Amino acid sequence: MNNKSLIRSLLALGAALTLALGAHAAPKVVKKVPPEFPPEAARQSISAGSVRAKMSIDPDGKVSAVEILEAEPRRVFDKAVTRALMEWRFEASGEKQTHEVKLVFKNED
């Protein structure tokens, strides 16, 4: 096998892997609960922030765990996000899944 055909074979393999991995559709949300803006954040004059979190989803669509991946400011909105995301529900898939979301907070008061 010459270099050109080897490269073509590797590119085809890469494309096939991308298609196979991309075939997993994101879990479908059937119930979203927005997080509450924490009163303690307002008391600290924090008016905005964001949290990126990963949910573990059971085969029946219930969220079984929430992991905070990134938060700005740190530890201000984590509890509110965890409480809200634990109430989210997804379409049952029959298998365990994970799903990441980013929630943005803005206090308009």
PDB file of N, CA and C in Angstrom:
ATOM      1  N   MET A   1       0.858  -1.174   0.000  1.00  0.00           N
ATOM      2  CA  MET A   1       0.000   0.000   0.000  1.00  0.00           C
ATOM      3  C   MET A   1       0.903   1.236   0.000  1.00  0.00           C
ATOM      4  N   ASN A   2       0.684   2.129  -0.968  1.00  0.00           N
ATOM      5  CA  ASN A   2       1.505   3.339  -1.003  1.00  0.00           C
ATOM      6  C   ASN A   2       0.969   4.371  -0.008  1.00  0.00           C
ATOM      7  N   ASN A   3       1.716   5.468   0.168  1.00  0.00           N
ATOM      8  CA  ASN A   3       1.341   6.486   1.161  1.00  0.00           C
ATOM      9  C   ASN A   3      -0.014   7.124   0.870  1.00  0.00           C
ATOM     10  N   LYS A   4      -0.284   7.403  -0.427  1.00  0.00           N
ATOM     11  CA  LYS A   4      -1.551   8.053  -0.772  1.00  0.00           C
ATOM     12  C   LYS A   4      -2.742   7.166  -0.414  1.00  0.00           C
ATOM     13  N   SER A   5      -2.668   5.886  -0.724  1.00  0.00           N
ATOM     14  CA  SER A   5      -3.796   5.010  -0.421  1.00  0.00           C
ATOM     15  C   SER A   5      -3.912   4.781   1.085  1.00  0.00           C
ATOM     16  N   LEU A   6      -2.790   4.770   1.801  1.00  0.00           N
ATOM     17  CA  LEU A   6      -2.818   4.643   3.254  1.00  0.00           C
ATOM     18  C   LEU A   6      -3.506   5.871   3.870  1.00  0.00           C
ATOM     19  N   ILE A   7      -3.145   7.055   3.377  1.00  0.00           N
ATOM     20  CA  ILE A   7      -3.760   8.291   3.884  1.00  0.00           C
ATOM     21  C   ILE A   7      -5.251   8.292   3.593  1.00  0.00           C
ATOM     22  N   ARG A   8      -5.649   7.876   2.365  1.00  0.00           N
ATOM     23  CA  ARG A   8      -7.070   7.818   2.018  1.00  0.00           C
ATOM     24  C   ARG A   8      -7.812   6.843   2.926  1.00  0.00           C
ATOM     25  N   SER A   9      -7.195   5.704   3.200  1.00  0.00           N
ATOM     26  CA  SER A   9      -7.818   4.706   4.085  1.00  0.00           C
ATOM     27  C   SER A   9      -7.993   5.262   5.498  1.00  0.00           C
ATOM     28  N   LEU A  10      -6.967   5.964   6.002  1.00  0.00           N
ATOM     29  CA  LEU A  10      -7.056   6.547   7.343  1.00  0.00           C
ATOM     30  C   LEU A  10      -8.117   7.640   7.399  1.00  0.00           C
ATOM     31  N   LEU A  11      -8.210   8.463   6.349  1.00  0.00           N
ATOM     32  CA  LEU A  11      -9.238   9.502   6.302  1.00  0.00           C
ATOM     33  C   LEU A  11     -10.633   8.882   6.274  1.00  0.00           C
ATOM     34  N   ALA A  12     -10.799   7.818   5.508  1.00  0.00           N
ATOM     35  CA  ALA A  12     -12.095   7.141   5.436  1.00  0.00           C
ATOM     36  C   ALA A  12     -12.455   6.540   6.792  1.00  0.00           C
ATOM     37  N   LEU A  13     -11.462   5.947   7.464  1.00  0.00           N
ATOM     38  CA  LEU A  13     -11.690   5.380   8.792  1.00  0.00           C
ATOM     39  C   LEU A  13     -12.087   6.479   9.781  1.00  0.00           C
ATOM     40  N   GLY A  14     -11.398   7.619   9.719  1.00  0.00           N
ATOM     41  CA  GLY A  14     -11.714   8.748  10.593  1.00  0.00           C
ATOM     42  C   GLY A  14     -13.130   9.245  10.360  1.00  0.00           C
ATOM     43  N   ALA A  15     -13.531   9.337   9.079  1.00  0.00           N
ATOM     44  CA  ALA A  15     -14.886   9.791   8.759  1.00  0.00           C
ATOM     45  C   ALA A  15     -15.923   8.798   9.272  1.00  0.00           C
ATOM     46  N   ALA A  16     -15.637   7.510   9.138  1.00  0.00           N
ATOM     47  CA  ALA A  16     -16.562   6.475   9.610  1.00  0.00           C
ATOM     48  C   ALA A  16     -16.704   6.542  11.138  1.00  0.00           C
ATOM     49  N   LEU A  17     -15.585   6.740  11.834  1.00  0.00           N
ATOM     50  CA  LEU A  17     -15.636   6.847  13.293  1.00  0.00           C
ATOM     51  C   LEU A  17     -16.411   8.079  13.721  1.00  0.00           C
ATOM     52  N   THR A  18     -16.208   9.185  13.023  1.00  0.00           N
ATOM     53  CA  THR A  18     -16.931  10.405  13.334  1.00  0.00           C
ATOM     54  C   THR A  18     -18.426  10.198  13.163  1.00  0.00           C
ATOM     55  N   LEU A  19     -18.825   9.537  12.083  1.00  0.00           N
ATOM     56  CA  LEU A  19     -20.241   9.268  11.846  1.00  0.00           C
ATOM     57  C   LEU A  19     -20.805   8.346  12.930  1.00  0.00           C
ATOM     58  N   ALA A  20     -20.044   7.317  13.281  1.00  0.00           N
ATOM     59  CA  ALA A  20     -20.512   6.355  14.285  1.00  0.00           C
ATOM     60  C   ALA A  20     -20.654   7.028  15.644  1.00  0.00           C
ATOM     61  N   LEU A  21     -19.670   7.835  16.026  1.00  0.00           N
ATOM     62  CA  LEU A  21     -19.728   8.503  17.325  1.00  0.00           C
ATOM     63  C   LEU A  21     -20.782   9.599  17.327  1.00  0.00           C
ATOM     64  N   GLY A  22     -20.960  10.267  16.215  1.00  0.00           N
ATOM     65  CA  GLY A  22     -21.930  11.342  16.118  1.00  0.00           C
ATOM     66  C   GLY A  22     -23.355  10.830  16.014  1.00  0.00           C
ATOM     67  N   ALA A  23     -23.518   9.542  15.770  1.00  0.00           N
ATOM     68  CA  ALA A  23     -24.853   8.972  15.598  1.00  0.00           C
ATOM     69  C   ALA A  23     -25.649   8.977  16.903  1.00  0.00           C
ATOM     70  N   HIS A  24     -24.946   9.073  18.028  1.00  0.00           N
ATOM     71  CA  HIS A  24     -25.620   9.134  19.321  1.00  0.00           C
ATOM     72  C   HIS A  24     -26.253  10.515  19.479  1.00  0.00           C
ATOM     73  N   ALA A  25     -27.538  10.574  19.407  1.00  0.00           N
ATOM     74  CA  ALA A  25     -28.231  11.854  19.519  1.00  0.00           C
ATOM     75  C   ALA A  25     -28.228  12.306  20.981  1.00  0.00           C
ATOM     76  N   ALA A  26     -28.262  13.597  21.170  1.00  0.00           N
ATOM     77  CA  ALA A  26     -28.339  14.144  22.521  1.00  0.00           C
ATOM     78  C   ALA A  26     -29.672  13.717  23.136  1.00  0.00           C
ATOM     79  N   PRO A  27     -29.681  13.422  24.436  1.00  0.00           N
ATOM     80  CA  PRO A  27     -30.930  13.044  25.079  1.00  0.00           C
ATOM     81  C   PRO A  27     -31.964  14.161  24.931  1.00  0.00           C
ATOM     82  N   LYS A  28     -33.221  13.771  24.741  1.00  0.00           N
ATOM     83  CA  LYS A  28     -34.286  14.750  24.540  1.00  0.00           C
ATOM     84  C   LYS A  28     -34.885  15.156  25.886  1.00  0.00           C
ATOM     85  N   VAL A  29     -34.828  16.446  26.174  1.00  0.00           N
ATOM     86  CA  VAL A  29     -35.377  16.982  27.425  1.00  0.00           C
ATOM     87  C   VAL A  29     -36.897  17.015  27.319  1.00  0.00           C
ATOM     88  N   VAL A  30     -37.582  16.456  28.327  1.00  0.00           N
ATOM     89  CA  VAL A  30     -39.042  16.521  28.352  1.00  0.00           C
ATOM     90  C   VAL A  30     -39.545  17.425  29.480  1.00  0.00           C
ATOM     91  N   LYS A  31     -38.673  17.754  30.434  1.00  0.00           N
ATOM     92  CA  LYS A  31     -39.043  18.671  31.515  1.00  0.00           C
ATOM     93  C   LYS A  31     -37.808  19.450  31.941  1.00  0.00           C
ATOM     94  N   LYS A  32     -37.904  20.782  31.843  1.00  0.00           N
ATOM     95  CA  LYS A  32     -36.815  21.659  32.286  1.00  0.00           C
ATOM     96  C   LYS A  32     -37.307  22.471  33.472  1.00  0.00           C
ATOM     97  N   VAL A  33     -36.473  22.581  34.481  1.00  0.00           N
ATOM     98  CA  VAL A  33     -36.770  23.411  35.638  1.00  0.00           C
ATOM     99  C   VAL A  33     -35.674  24.468  35.705  1.00  0.00           C
ATOM    100  N   PRO A  34     -36.042  25.749  35.597  1.00  0.00           N
ATOM    101  CA  PRO A  34     -35.009  26.788  35.664  1.00  0.00           C
ATOM    102  C   PRO A  34     -34.492  26.951  37.086  1.00  0.00           C
ATOM    103  N   PRO A  35     -33.199  27.215  37.236  1.00  0.00           N
ATOM    104  CA  PRO A  35     -32.666  27.432  38.582  1.00  0.00           C
ATOM    105  C   PRO A  35     -33.098  28.790  39.115  1.00  0.00           C
ATOM    106  N   GLU A  36     -33.244  28.871  40.426  1.00  0.00           N
ATOM    107  CA  GLU A  36     -33.579  30.147  41.066  1.00  0.00           C
ATOM    108  C   GLU A  36     -32.293  30.937  41.281  1.00  0.00           C
ATOM    109  N   PHE A  37     -32.402  32.255  41.157  1.00  0.00           N
ATOM    110  CA  PHE A  37     -31.249  33.110  41.448  1.00  0.00           C
ATOM    111  C   PHE A  37     -31.072  33.124  42.959  1.00  0.00           C
ATOM    112  N   PRO A  38     -29.912  32.708  43.463  1.00  0.00           N
ATOM    113  CA  PRO A  38     -29.726  32.600  44.914  1.00  0.00           C
ATOM    114  C   PRO A  38     -29.781  33.969  45.610  1.00  0.00           C
ATOM    115  N   PRO A  39     -30.596  34.101  46.662  1.00  0.00           N
ATOM    116  CA  PRO A  39     -30.664  35.359  47.405  1.00  0.00           C
ATOM    117  C   PRO A  39     -29.299  35.791  47.950  1.00  0.00           C
ATOM    118  N   GLU A  40     -28.482  34.812  48.347  1.00  0.00           N
ATOM    119  CA  GLU A  40     -27.158  35.149  48.896  1.00  0.00           C
ATOM    120  C   GLU A  40     -26.256  35.790  47.835  1.00  0.00           C
ATOM    121  N   ALA A  41     -26.453  35.433  46.562  1.00  0.00           N
ATOM    122  CA  ALA A  41     -25.677  36.063  45.482  1.00  0.00           C
ATOM    123  C   ALA A  41     -26.079  37.528  45.358  1.00  0.00           C
ATOM    124  N   ALA A  42     -27.380  37.790  45.411  1.00  0.00           N
ATOM    125  CA  ALA A  42     -27.868  39.167  45.338  1.00  0.00           C
ATOM    126  C   ALA A  42     -27.352  39.980  46.527  1.00  0.00           C
ATOM    127  N   ARG A  43     -27.336  39.363  47.710  1.00  0.00           N
ATOM    128  CA  ARG A  43     -26.839  40.059  48.903  1.00  0.00           C
ATOM    129  C   ARG A  43     -25.357  40.408  48.767  1.00  0.00           C
ATOM    130  N   GLN A  44     -24.633  39.590  48.006  1.00  0.00           N
ATOM    131  CA  GLN A  44     -23.202  39.836  47.781  1.00  0.00           C
ATOM    132  C   GLN A  44     -22.971  40.729  46.558  1.00  0.00           C
ATOM    133  N   SER A  45     -24.044  41.292  46.018  1.00  0.00           N
ATOM    134  CA  SER A  45     -23.987  42.157  44.825  1.00  0.00           C
ATOM    135  C   SER A  45     -23.474  41.427  43.591  1.00  0.00           C
ATOM    136  N   ILE A  46     -23.715  40.135  43.545  1.00  0.00           N
ATOM    137  CA  ILE A  46     -23.381  39.351  42.346  1.00  0.00           C
ATOM    138  C   ILE A  46     -24.639  39.314  41.490  1.00  0.00           C
ATOM    139  N   SER A  47     -24.554  39.868  40.291  1.00  0.00           N
ATOM    140  CA  SER A  47     -25.749  39.967  39.455  1.00  0.00           C
ATOM    141  C   SER A  47     -25.730  39.047  38.242  1.00  0.00           C
ATOM    142  N   ALA A  48     -24.609  38.365  38.006  1.00  0.00           N
ATOM    143  CA  ALA A  48     -24.533  37.494  36.833  1.00  0.00           C
ATOM    144  C   ALA A  48     -23.505  36.397  37.056  1.00  0.00           C
ATOM    145  N   GLY A  49     -23.655  35.341  36.275  1.00  0.00           N
ATOM    146  CA  GLY A  49     -22.702  34.243  36.337  1.00  0.00           C
ATOM    147  C   GLY A  49     -23.123  33.136  35.404  1.00  0.00           C
ATOM    148  N   SER A  50     -22.326  32.073  35.362  1.00  0.00           N
ATOM    149  CA  SER A  50     -22.669  30.923  34.527  1.00  0.00           C
ATOM    150  C   SER A  50     -22.099  29.658  35.150  1.00  0.00           C
ATOM    151  N   VAL A  51     -22.761  28.556  34.832  1.00  0.00           N
ATOM    152  CA  VAL A  51     -22.337  27.249  35.335  1.00  0.00           C
ATOM    153  C   VAL A  51     -22.458  26.241  34.205  1.00  0.00           C
ATOM    154  N   ARG A  52     -21.396  25.461  34.013  1.00  0.00           N
ATOM    155  CA  ARG A  52     -21.437  24.352  33.063  1.00  0.00           C
ATOM    156  C   ARG A  52     -21.486  23.081  33.899  1.00  0.00           C
ATOM    157  N   ALA A  53     -22.479  22.243  33.622  1.00  0.00           N
ATOM    158  CA  ALA A  53     -22.687  21.048  34.435  1.00  0.00           C
ATOM    159  C   ALA A  53     -22.944  19.833  33.559  1.00  0.00           C
ATOM    160  N   LYS A  54     -22.614  18.668  34.122  1.00  0.00           N
ATOM    161  CA  LYS A  54     -22.875  17.402  33.429  1.00  0.00           C
ATOM    162  C   LYS A  54     -23.851  16.593  34.265  1.00  0.00           C
ATOM    163  N   MET A  55     -24.926  16.135  33.599  1.00  0.00           N
ATOM    164  CA  MET A  55     -25.932  15.321  34.267  1.00  0.00           C
ATOM    165  C   MET A  55     -25.732  13.850  33.902  1.00  0.00           C
ATOM    166  N   SER A  56     -25.901  12.984  34.879  1.00  0.00           N
ATOM    167  CA  SER A  56     -25.981  11.545  34.620  1.00  0.00           C
ATOM    168  C   SER A  56     -27.462  11.218  34.538  1.00  0.00           C
ATOM    169  N   ILE A  57     -27.845  10.547  33.461  1.00  0.00           N
ATOM    170  CA  ILE A  57     -29.260  10.269  33.207  1.00  0.00           C
ATOM    171  C   ILE A  57     -29.485   8.769  33.223  1.00  0.00           C
ATOM    172  N   ASP A  58     -30.421   8.335  34.040  1.00  0.00           N
ATOM    173  CA  ASP A  58     -30.763   6.916  34.131  1.00  0.00           C
ATOM    174  C   ASP A  58     -31.536   6.471  32.889  1.00  0.00           C
ATOM    175  N   PRO A  59     -31.622   5.154  32.669  1.00  0.00           N
ATOM    176  CA  PRO A  59     -32.352   4.648  31.494  1.00  0.00           C
ATOM    177  C   PRO A  59     -33.805   5.121  31.410  1.00  0.00           C
ATOM    178  N   ASP A  60     -34.415   5.437  32.573  1.00  0.00           N
ATOM    179  CA  ASP A  60     -35.814   5.891  32.563  1.00  0.00           C
ATOM    180  C   ASP A  60     -35.952   7.397  32.332  1.00  0.00           C
ATOM    181  N   GLY A  61     -34.831   8.102  32.169  1.00  0.00           N
ATOM    182  CA  GLY A  61     -34.864   9.526  31.868  1.00  0.00           C
ATOM    183  C   GLY A  61     -34.707  10.448  33.067  1.00  0.00           C
ATOM    184  N   LYS A  62     -34.585   9.866  34.276  1.00  0.00           N
ATOM    185  CA  LYS A  62     -34.395  10.691  35.474  1.00  0.00           C
ATOM    186  C   LYS A  62     -32.920  11.032  35.644  1.00  0.00           C
ATOM    187  N   VAL A  63     -32.661  12.237  36.140  1.00  0.00           N
ATOM    188  CA  VAL A  63     -31.292  12.662  36.419  1.00  0.00           C
ATOM    189  C   VAL A  63     -30.880  12.058  37.759  1.00  0.00           C
ATOM    190  N   SER A  64     -29.768  11.331  37.758  1.00  0.00           N
ATOM    191  CA  SER A  64     -29.321  10.666  38.986  1.00  0.00           C
ATOM    192  C   SER A  64     -28.166  11.398  39.663  1.00  0.00           C
ATOM    193  N   ALA A  65     -27.472  12.259  38.923  1.00  0.00           N
ATOM    194  CA  ALA A  65     -26.347  12.999  39.503  1.00  0.00           C
ATOM    195  C   ALA A  65     -26.047  14.226  38.657  1.00  0.00           C
ATOM    196  N   VAL A  66     -25.503  15.246  39.305  1.00  0.00           N
ATOM    197  CA  VAL A  66     -25.080  16.464  38.622  1.00  0.00           C
ATOM    198  C   VAL A  66     -23.658  16.763  39.059  1.00  0.00           C
ATOM    199  N   GLU A  67     -22.796  16.999  38.082  1.00  0.00           N
ATOM    200  CA  GLU A  67     -21.408  17.362  38.358  1.00  0.00           C
ATOM    201  C   GLU A  67     -21.165  18.764  37.805  1.00  0.00           C
ATOM    202  N   ILE A  68     -20.689  19.672  38.660  1.00  0.00           N
ATOM    203  CA  ILE A  68     -20.361  21.020  38.215  1.00  0.00           C
ATOM    204  C   ILE A  68     -18.974  20.964  37.572  1.00  0.00           C
ATOM    205  N   LEU A  69     -18.903  21.333  36.299  1.00  0.00           N
ATOM    206  CA  LEU A  69     -17.640  21.280  35.568  1.00  0.00           C
ATOM    207  C   LEU A  69     -16.902  22.611  35.596  1.00  0.00           C
ATOM    208  N   GLU A  70     -17.676  23.689  35.590  1.00  0.00           N
ATOM    209  CA  GLU A  70     -17.088  25.023  35.498  1.00  0.00           C
ATOM    210  C   GLU A  70     -18.112  26.018  36.041  1.00  0.00           C
ATOM    211  N   ALA A  71     -17.657  26.990  36.819  1.00  0.00           N
ATOM    212  CA  ALA A  71     -18.588  27.983  37.358  1.00  0.00           C
ATOM    213  C   ALA A  71     -17.880  29.324  37.504  1.00  0.00           C
ATOM    214  N   GLU A  72     -18.601  30.372  37.149  1.00  0.00           N
ATOM    215  CA  GLU A  72     -18.077  31.733  37.279  1.00  0.00           C
ATOM    216  C   GLU A  72     -19.185  32.627  37.803  1.00  0.00           C
ATOM    217  N   PRO A  73     -19.085  33.192  38.974  1.00  0.00           N
ATOM    218  CA  PRO A  73     -18.055  32.955  39.982  1.00  0.00           C
ATOM    219  C   PRO A  73     -18.207  31.565  40.610  1.00  0.00           C
ATOM    220  N   ARG A  74     -17.127  31.090  41.164  1.00  0.00           N
ATOM    221  CA  ARG A  74     -17.108  29.738  41.726  1.00  0.00           C
ATOM    222  C   ARG A  74     -18.014  29.615  42.949  1.00  0.00           C
ATOM    223  N   ARG A  75     -18.714  28.488  43.028  1.00  0.00           N
ATOM    224  CA  ARG A  75     -19.537  28.063  44.179  1.00  0.00           C
ATOM    225  C   ARG A  75     -20.690  29.001  44.542  1.00  0.00           C
ATOM    226  N   VAL A  76     -21.035  29.946  43.702  1.00  0.00           N
ATOM    227  CA  VAL A  76     -22.142  30.850  44.006  1.00  0.00           C
ATOM    228  C   VAL A  76     -23.474  30.257  43.552  1.00  0.00           C
ATOM    229  N   PHE A  77     -23.491  29.670  42.349  1.00  0.00           N
ATOM    230  CA  PHE A  77     -24.729  29.172  41.755  1.00  0.00           C
ATOM    231  C   PHE A  77     -24.820  27.643  41.750  1.00  0.00           C
ATOM    232  N   ASP A  78     -23.813  26.958  42.261  1.00  0.00           N
ATOM    233  CA  ASP A  78     -23.738  25.492  42.182  1.00  0.00           C
ATOM    234  C   ASP A  78     -24.957  24.788  42.776  1.00  0.00           C
ATOM    235  N   LYS A  79     -25.366  25.181  43.980  1.00  0.00           N
ATOM    236  CA  LYS A  79     -26.501  24.506  44.638  1.00  0.00           C
ATOM    237  C   LYS A  79     -27.793  24.726  43.865  1.00  0.00           C
ATOM    238  N   ALA A  80     -28.007  25.950  43.384  1.00  0.00           N
ATOM    239  CA  ALA A  80     -29.226  26.251  42.624  1.00  0.00           C
ATOM    240  C   ALA A  80     -29.268  25.432  41.337  1.00  0.00           C
ATOM    241  N   VAL A  81     -28.116  25.308  40.682  1.00  0.00           N
ATOM    242  CA  VAL A  81     -28.047  24.525  39.441  1.00  0.00           C
ATOM    243  C   VAL A  81     -28.298  23.049  39.737  1.00  0.00           C
ATOM    244  N   THR A  82     -27.656  22.529  40.759  1.00  0.00           N
ATOM    245  CA  THR A  82     -27.828  21.113  41.100  1.00  0.00           C
ATOM    246  C   THR A  82     -29.285  20.803  41.438  1.00  0.00           C
ATOM    247  N   ARG A  83     -29.903  21.658  42.267  1.00  0.00           N
ATOM    248  CA  ARG A  83     -31.319  21.447  42.628  1.00  0.00           C
ATOM    249  C   ARG A  83     -32.208  21.436  41.384  1.00  0.00           C
ATOM    250  N   ALA A  84     -32.014  22.404  40.502  1.00  0.00           N
ATOM    251  CA  ALA A  84     -32.850  22.499  39.304  1.00  0.00           C
ATOM    252  C   ALA A  84     -32.622  21.323  38.362  1.00  0.00           C
ATOM    253  N   LEU A  85     -31.365  20.991  38.092  1.00  0.00           N
ATOM    254  CA  LEU A  85     -31.078  19.919  37.121  1.00  0.00           C
ATOM    255  C   LEU A  85     -31.535  18.555  37.617  1.00  0.00           C
ATOM    256  N   MET A  86     -31.558  18.342  38.935  1.00  0.00           N
ATOM    257  CA  MET A  86     -32.051  17.066  39.469  1.00  0.00           C
ATOM    258  C   MET A  86     -33.546  16.892  39.180  1.00  0.00           C
ATOM    259  N   GLU A  87     -34.242  17.994  38.882  1.00  0.00           N
ATOM    260  CA  GLU A  87     -35.671  17.941  38.550  1.00  0.00           C
ATOM    261  C   GLU A  87     -35.926  17.768  37.053  1.00  0.00           C
ATOM    262  N   TRP A  88     -34.883  17.929  36.236  1.00  0.00           N
ATOM    263  CA  TRP A  88     -35.054  17.758  34.788  1.00  0.00           C
ATOM    264  C   TRP A  88     -35.394  16.304  34.483  1.00  0.00           C
ATOM    265  N   ARG A  89     -36.124  16.093  33.402  1.00  0.00           N
ATOM    266  CA  ARG A  89     -36.448  14.745  32.936  1.00  0.00           C
ATOM    267  C   ARG A  89     -36.162  14.667  31.439  1.00  0.00           C
ATOM    268  N   PHE A  90     -35.714  13.493  31.044  1.00  0.00           N
ATOM    269  CA  PHE A  90     -35.392  13.231  29.645  1.00  0.00           C
ATOM    270  C   PHE A  90     -36.238  12.078  29.132  1.00  0.00           C
ATOM    271  N   GLU A  91     -36.369  11.999  27.840  1.00  0.00           N
ATOM    272  CA  GLU A  91     -37.078  10.884  27.226  1.00  0.00           C
ATOM    273  C   GLU A  91     -36.318   9.602  27.583  1.00  0.00           C
ATOM    274  N   ALA A  92     -37.032   8.581  28.028  1.00  0.00           N
ATOM    275  CA  ALA A  92     -36.392   7.310  28.378  1.00  0.00           C
ATOM    276  C   ALA A  92     -35.693   6.727  27.157  1.00  0.00           C
ATOM    277  N   SER A  93     -34.445   6.299  27.356  1.00  0.00           N
ATOM    278  CA  SER A  93     -33.667   5.750  26.238  1.00  0.00           C
ATOM    279  C   SER A  93     -33.352   4.272  26.447  1.00  0.00           C
ATOM    280  N   GLY A  94     -33.563   3.795  27.686  1.00  0.00           N
ATOM    281  CA  GLY A  94     -33.231   2.406  27.977  1.00  0.00           C
ATOM    282  C   GLY A  94     -31.764   2.201  28.314  1.00  0.00           C
ATOM    283  N   GLU A  95     -30.981   3.284  28.316  1.00  0.00           N
ATOM    284  CA  GLU A  95     -29.563   3.170  28.677  1.00  0.00           C
ATOM    285  C   GLU A  95     -29.129   4.408  29.452  1.00  0.00           C
ATOM    286  N   LYS A  96     -28.052   4.244  30.239  1.00  0.00           N
ATOM    287  CA  LYS A  96     -27.511   5.392  30.981  1.00  0.00           C
ATOM    288  C   LYS A  96     -26.871   6.354  29.990  1.00  0.00           C
ATOM    289  N   GLN A  97     -27.039   7.652  30.237  1.00  0.00           N
ATOM    290  CA  GLN A  97     -26.455   8.667  29.362  1.00  0.00           C
ATOM    291  C   GLN A  97     -25.919   9.813  30.196  1.00  0.00           C
ATOM    292  N   THR A  98     -25.164  10.691  29.558  1.00  0.00           N
ATOM    293  CA  THR A  98     -24.762  11.939  30.192  1.00  0.00           C
ATOM    294  C   THR A  98     -25.108  13.072  29.235  1.00  0.00           C
ATOM    295  N   HIS A  99     -25.290  14.246  29.808  1.00  0.00           N
ATOM    296  CA  HIS A  99     -25.622  15.415  28.990  1.00  0.00           C
ATOM    297  C   HIS A  99     -25.060  16.646  29.692  1.00  0.00           C
ATOM    298  N   GLU A 100     -24.399  17.513  28.932  1.00  0.00           N
ATOM    299  CA  GLU A 100     -23.841  18.742  29.488  1.00  0.00           C
ATOM    300  C   GLU A 100     -24.690  19.938  29.100  1.00  0.00           C
ATOM    301  N   VAL A 101     -24.804  20.874  30.032  1.00  0.00           N
ATOM    302  CA  VAL A 101     -25.523  22.124  29.771  1.00  0.00           C
ATOM    303  C   VAL A 101     -24.723  23.276  30.375  1.00  0.00           C
ATOM    304  N   LYS A 102     -24.975  24.453  29.840  1.00  0.00           N
ATOM    305  CA  LYS A 102     -24.420  25.670  30.432  1.00  0.00           C
ATOM    306  C   LYS A 102     -25.599  26.573  30.764  1.00  0.00           C
ATOM    307  N   LEU A 103     -25.696  26.961  32.025  1.00  0.00           N
ATOM    308  CA  LEU A 103     -26.779  27.832  32.481  1.00  0.00           C
ATOM    309  C   LEU A 103     -26.183  29.200  32.802  1.00  0.00           C
ATOM    310  N   VAL A 104     -26.855  30.229  32.319  1.00  0.00           N
ATOM    311  CA  VAL A 104     -26.395  31.605  32.518  1.00  0.00           C
ATOM    312  C   VAL A 104     -27.370  32.318  33.445  1.00  0.00           C
ATOM    313  N   PHE A 105     -26.819  32.992  34.446  1.00  0.00           N
ATOM    314  CA  PHE A 105     -27.605  33.719  35.430  1.00  0.00           C
ATOM    315  C   PHE A 105     -27.486  35.213  35.197  1.00  0.00           C
ATOM    316  N   LYS A 106     -28.610  35.909  35.274  1.00  0.00           N
ATOM    317  CA  LYS A 106     -28.644  37.379  35.226  1.00  0.00           C
ATOM    318  C   LYS A 106     -29.752  37.831  36.154  1.00  0.00           C
ATOM    319  N   ASN A 107     -29.411  38.652  37.112  1.00  0.00           N
ATOM    320  CA  ASN A 107     -30.412  39.195  38.028  1.00  0.00           C
ATOM    321  C   ASN A 107     -30.784  40.574  37.527  1.00  0.00           C
ATOM    322  N   GLU A 108     -32.007  40.717  37.079  1.00  0.00           N
ATOM    323  CA  GLU A 108     -32.464  41.983  36.477  1.00  0.00           C
ATOM    324  C   GLU A 108     -32.962  42.972  37.519  1.00  0.00           C
ATOM    325  N   ASP A 109     -33.034  42.570  38.783  1.00  0.00           N
ATOM    326  CA  ASP A 109     -33.554  43.472  39.827  1.00  0.00           C
ATOM    327  C   ASP A 109     -32.617  44.626  40.099  1.00  0.00           C
TER     328      ASP A 109
END
